C-alpha atoms as a PDB file:
ATOM      1  CA  MET A   1     -10.334   0.335   1.207  1.00  0.00           C
ATOM      2  CA  SER A   2      -6.770  -0.833   0.818  1.00  0.00           C
ATOM      3  CA  GLU A   3      -5.540  -3.562  -1.463  1.00  0.00           C
ATOM      4  CA  PRO A   4      -6.414  -7.111  -0.386  1.00  0.00           C
ATOM      5  CA  PHE A   5      -3.633  -9.055   1.322  1.00  0.00           C
ATOM      6  CA  GLU A   6      -3.613 -11.459  -1.633  1.00  0.00           C
ATOM      7  CA  ASN A   7      -2.028  -8.649  -3.686  1.00  0.00           C
ATOM      8  CA  SER A   8       0.786  -8.173  -1.160  1.00  0.00           C
ATOM      9  CA  GLU A   9       4.187  -9.333  -2.385  1.00  0.00           C
ATOM     10  CA  ALA A  10       4.987 -10.466   1.164  1.00  0.00           C
ATOM     11  CA  TRP A  11       1.900 -12.699   1.282  1.00  0.00           C
ATOM     12  CA  LYS A  12       2.576 -14.071  -2.218  1.00  0.00           C
ATOM     13  CA  SER A  13       6.148 -14.904  -1.183  1.00  0.00           C
ATOM     14  CA  ALA A  14       4.919 -16.560   2.028  1.00  0.00           C
ATOM     15  CA  ARG A  15       2.465 -18.590  -0.043  1.00  0.00           C
ATOM     16  CA  LEU A  16       5.327 -19.844  -2.246  1.00  0.00           C
ATOM     17  CA  LEU A  17       7.300 -20.733   0.891  1.00  0.00           C
ATOM     18  CA  THR A  18       4.320 -22.625   2.314  1.00  0.00           C
ATOM     19  CA  ASN A  19       3.750 -24.500  -0.939  1.00  0.00           C
ATOM     20  CA  GLU A  20       7.422 -25.504  -1.064  1.00  0.00           C
ATOM     21  CA  VAL A  21       7.303 -26.762   2.525  1.00  0.00           C
ATOM     22  CA  TYR A  22       4.186 -28.819   1.822  1.00  0.00           C
ATOM     23  CA  ALA A  23       5.776 -30.280  -1.320  1.00  0.00           C
ATOM     24  CA  LEU A  24       8.908 -31.288   0.615  1.00  0.00           C
ATOM     25  CA  CYS A  25       6.760 -32.853   3.352  1.00  0.00           C
ATOM     26  CA  LEU A  26       5.188 -35.251   0.855  1.00  0.00           C
ATOM     27  CA  HIS A  27       8.493 -37.073   0.341  1.00  0.00           C
ATOM     28  CA  GLN A  28       9.945 -39.844   2.478  1.00  0.00           C
ATOM     29  CA  PRO A  29      11.367 -39.966   5.057  1.00  0.00           C
ATOM     30  CA  LEU A  30      10.063 -36.517   6.113  1.00  0.00           C
ATOM     31  CA  ALA A  31       6.465 -37.561   5.449  1.00  0.00           C
ATOM     32  CA  LYS A  32       6.762 -40.126   8.265  1.00  0.00           C
ATOM     33  CA  ASP A  33       8.458 -37.832  10.805  1.00  0.00           C
ATOM     34  CA  PHE A  34       5.166 -36.438  12.044  1.00  0.00           C
ATOM     35  CA  GLY A  35       6.588 -34.121  14.693  1.00  0.00           C
ATOM     36  CA  LEU A  36       9.129 -32.419  12.455  1.00  0.00           C
ATOM     37  CA  ARG A  37       6.812 -32.349   9.453  1.00  0.00           C
ATOM     38  CA  ASP A  38       3.929 -30.849  11.415  1.00  0.00           C
ATOM     39  CA  GLN A  39       6.136 -28.207  13.092  1.00  0.00           C
ATOM     40  CA  LEU A  40       7.619 -27.235   9.733  1.00  0.00           C
ATOM     41  CA  GLN A  41       4.189 -26.946   8.141  1.00  0.00           C
ATOM     42  CA  ARG A  42       2.808 -24.933  11.075  1.00  0.00           C
ATOM     43  CA  ALA A  43       5.736 -22.502  10.920  1.00  0.00           C
ATOM     44  CA  ALA A  44       5.324 -21.975   7.168  1.00  0.00           C
ATOM     45  CA  VAL A  45       1.567 -21.468   7.458  1.00  0.00           C
ATOM     46  CA  SER A  46       2.234 -19.029  10.310  1.00  0.00           C
ATOM     47  CA  VAL A  47       4.294 -16.846   7.970  1.00  0.00           C
ATOM     48  CA  MET A  48       1.474 -16.684   5.441  1.00  0.00           C
ATOM     49  CA  ASN A  49      -1.368 -16.253   7.942  1.00  0.00           C
ATOM     50  CA  ASN A  50       0.367 -13.624  10.050  1.00  0.00           C
ATOM     51  CA  VAL A  51       1.089 -11.503   6.983  1.00  0.00           C
ATOM     52  CA  ALA A  52      -2.629 -11.701   6.162  1.00  0.00           C
ATOM     53  CA  GLU A  53      -3.627 -10.995   9.760  1.00  0.00           C
ATOM     54  CA  GLY A  54      -1.338  -7.969   9.991  1.00  0.00           C
ATOM     55  CA  TRP A  55      -2.501  -6.678   6.629  1.00  0.00           C
ATOM     56  CA  GLU A  56      -6.146  -6.866   7.727  1.00  0.00           C
ATOM     57  CA  SER A  57      -5.621  -5.212  11.102  1.00  0.00           C
ATOM     58  CA  LEU A  58      -6.642  -1.586  11.496  1.00  0.00           C
ATOM     59  CA  HIS A  59      -4.258  -0.943  14.389  1.00  0.00           C
ATOM     60  CA  VAL A  60      -0.557  -0.301  13.825  1.00  0.00           C
ATOM     61  CA  ALA A  61       0.488  -2.133  17.002  1.00  0.00           C
ATOM     62  CA  GLU A  62      -1.461  -5.234  15.937  1.00  0.00           C
ATOM     63  CA  LYS A  63      -0.016  -5.033  12.427  1.00  0.00           C
ATOM     64  CA  ARG A  64       3.516  -4.834  13.829  1.00  0.00           C
ATOM     65  CA  GLN A  65       2.913  -7.765  16.177  1.00  0.00           C
ATOM     66  CA  ALA A  66       1.535  -9.994  13.391  1.00  0.00           C
ATOM     67  CA  TYR A  67       4.344  -9.060  11.000  1.00  0.00           C
ATOM     68  CA  ASN A  68       6.932  -9.760  13.723  1.00  0.00           C
ATOM     69  CA  ILE A  69       5.410 -13.195  14.318  1.00  0.00           C
ATOM     70  CA  ALA A  70       5.529 -13.836  10.557  1.00  0.00           C
ATOM     71  CA  ARG A  71       9.199 -12.815  10.473  1.00  0.00           C
ATOM     72  CA  ARG A  72      10.037 -15.047  13.439  1.00  0.00           C
ATOM     73  CA  SER A  73       8.249 -17.949  11.775  1.00  0.00           C
ATOM     74  CA  CYS A  74      10.451 -17.409   8.704  1.00  0.00           C
ATOM     75  CA  GLY A  75      13.430 -17.816  11.000  1.00  0.00           C
ATOM     76  CA  GLU A  76      11.921 -20.988  12.406  1.00  0.00           C
ATOM     77  CA  VAL A  77      11.554 -22.495   8.921  1.00  0.00           C
ATOM     78  CA  ARG A  78      15.129 -21.419   8.101  1.00  0.00           C
ATOM     79  CA  SER A  79      16.434 -23.076  11.256  1.00  0.00           C
ATOM     80  CA  MET A  80      14.494 -26.273  10.621  1.00  0.00           C
ATOM     81  CA  SER A  81      15.915 -26.412   7.086  1.00  0.00           C
ATOM     82  CA  TYR A  82      19.260 -27.268   8.703  1.00  0.00           C
ATOM     83  CA  VAL A  83      17.653 -30.111  10.674  1.00  0.00           C
ATOM     84  CA  LEU A  84      16.207 -31.373   7.394  1.00  0.00           C
ATOM     85  CA  LEU A  85      19.577 -31.134   5.645  1.00  0.00           C
ATOM     86  CA  ASP A  86      21.623 -32.590   8.508  1.00  0.00           C
ATOM     87  CA  ASN A  87      19.289 -35.577   8.792  1.00  0.00           C
ATOM     88  CA  LYS A  88      19.159 -36.112   5.018  1.00  0.00           C
ATOM     89  CA  PHE A  89      15.445 -35.349   4.701  1.00  0.00           C
ATOM     90  CA  ILE A  90      16.282 -32.894   1.886  1.00  0.00           C
ATOM     91  CA  SER A  91      19.207 -32.327  -0.481  1.00  0.00           C
ATOM     92  CA  ALA A  92      21.570 -29.363  -0.339  1.00  0.00           C
ATOM     93  CA  THR A  93      19.846 -27.958  -3.439  1.00  0.00           C
ATOM     94  CA  GLU A  94      16.422 -28.264  -1.829  1.00  0.00           C
ATOM     95  CA  GLN A  95      17.710 -26.574   1.315  1.00  0.00           C
ATOM     96  CA  THR A  96      19.237 -23.720  -0.682  1.00  0.00           C
ATOM     97  CA  ASN A  97      15.890 -23.182  -2.404  1.00  0.00           C
ATOM     98  CA  LEU A  98      14.057 -23.261   0.928  1.00  0.00           C
ATOM     99  CA  LEU A  99      16.527 -20.792   2.439  1.00  0.00           C
ATOM    100  CA  GLN A 100      16.090 -18.421  -0.513  1.00  0.00           C
ATOM    101  CA  LEU A 101      12.312 -18.507  -0.092  1.00  0.00           C
ATOM    102  CA  CYS A 102      12.689 -17.800   3.641  1.00  0.00           C
ATOM    103  CA  VAL A 103      15.074 -14.905   3.063  1.00  0.00           C
ATOM    104  CA  GLN A 104      12.845 -13.422   0.344  1.00  0.00           C
ATOM    105  CA  SER A 105       9.765 -13.634   2.556  1.00  0.00           C
ATOM    106  CA  GLY A 106      11.668 -12.219   5.515  1.00  0.00           C
ATOM    107  CA  LYS A 107      12.883  -9.226   3.513  1.00  0.00           C
ATOM    108  CA  LEU A 108       9.375  -8.450   2.270  1.00  0.00           C
ATOM    109  CA  ILE A 109       7.947  -8.762   5.781  1.00  0.00           C
ATOM    110  CA  SER A 110      10.707  -6.484   7.084  1.00  0.00           C
ATOM    111  CA  GLY A 111       9.585  -3.981   4.464  1.00  0.00           C
ATOM    112  CA  LEU A 112       6.031  -4.153   5.834  1.00  0.00           C
ATOM    113  CA  ILE A 113       7.391  -3.545   9.342  1.00  0.00           C
ATOM    114  CA  ARG A 114       9.469  -0.582   8.140  1.00  0.00           C
ATOM    115  CA  SER A 115       6.422   0.875   6.396  1.00  0.00           C
ATOM    116  CA  LEU A 116       4.685   1.079   9.776  1.00  0.00           C
ATOM    117  CA  ASP A 117       7.418   3.389  11.070  1.00  0.00           C
ATOM    118  CA  ASN A 118       6.215   6.042   8.619  1.00  0.00           C
ATOM    119  CA  ARG A 119       2.711   6.079  10.100  1.00  0.00           C
END
């Protein structure tokens, strides 16, 4: 039996990203922009859940697909961070932090994808 996904650095990083997104979504005016808030939260949760789903899969093709979805969801959160900044939902400092969490998660997920090439 392999390590549980909860021990994966990629999943831990995605969890931090998700927690940061949820914390930002508690503040006004983002808390009242239901469409943007919900899409942002769904994208962040997608990163975390797809890392877990890929980790748990026994098939390399399924792992790769889940990890690719997780990576794309990181990009979605990164892109939405600019909407948040441009519309003054978050500060430049908050956006920089969010971007760093996205980049960190993306790099770790890319590492999981690369590790599949050796199988």
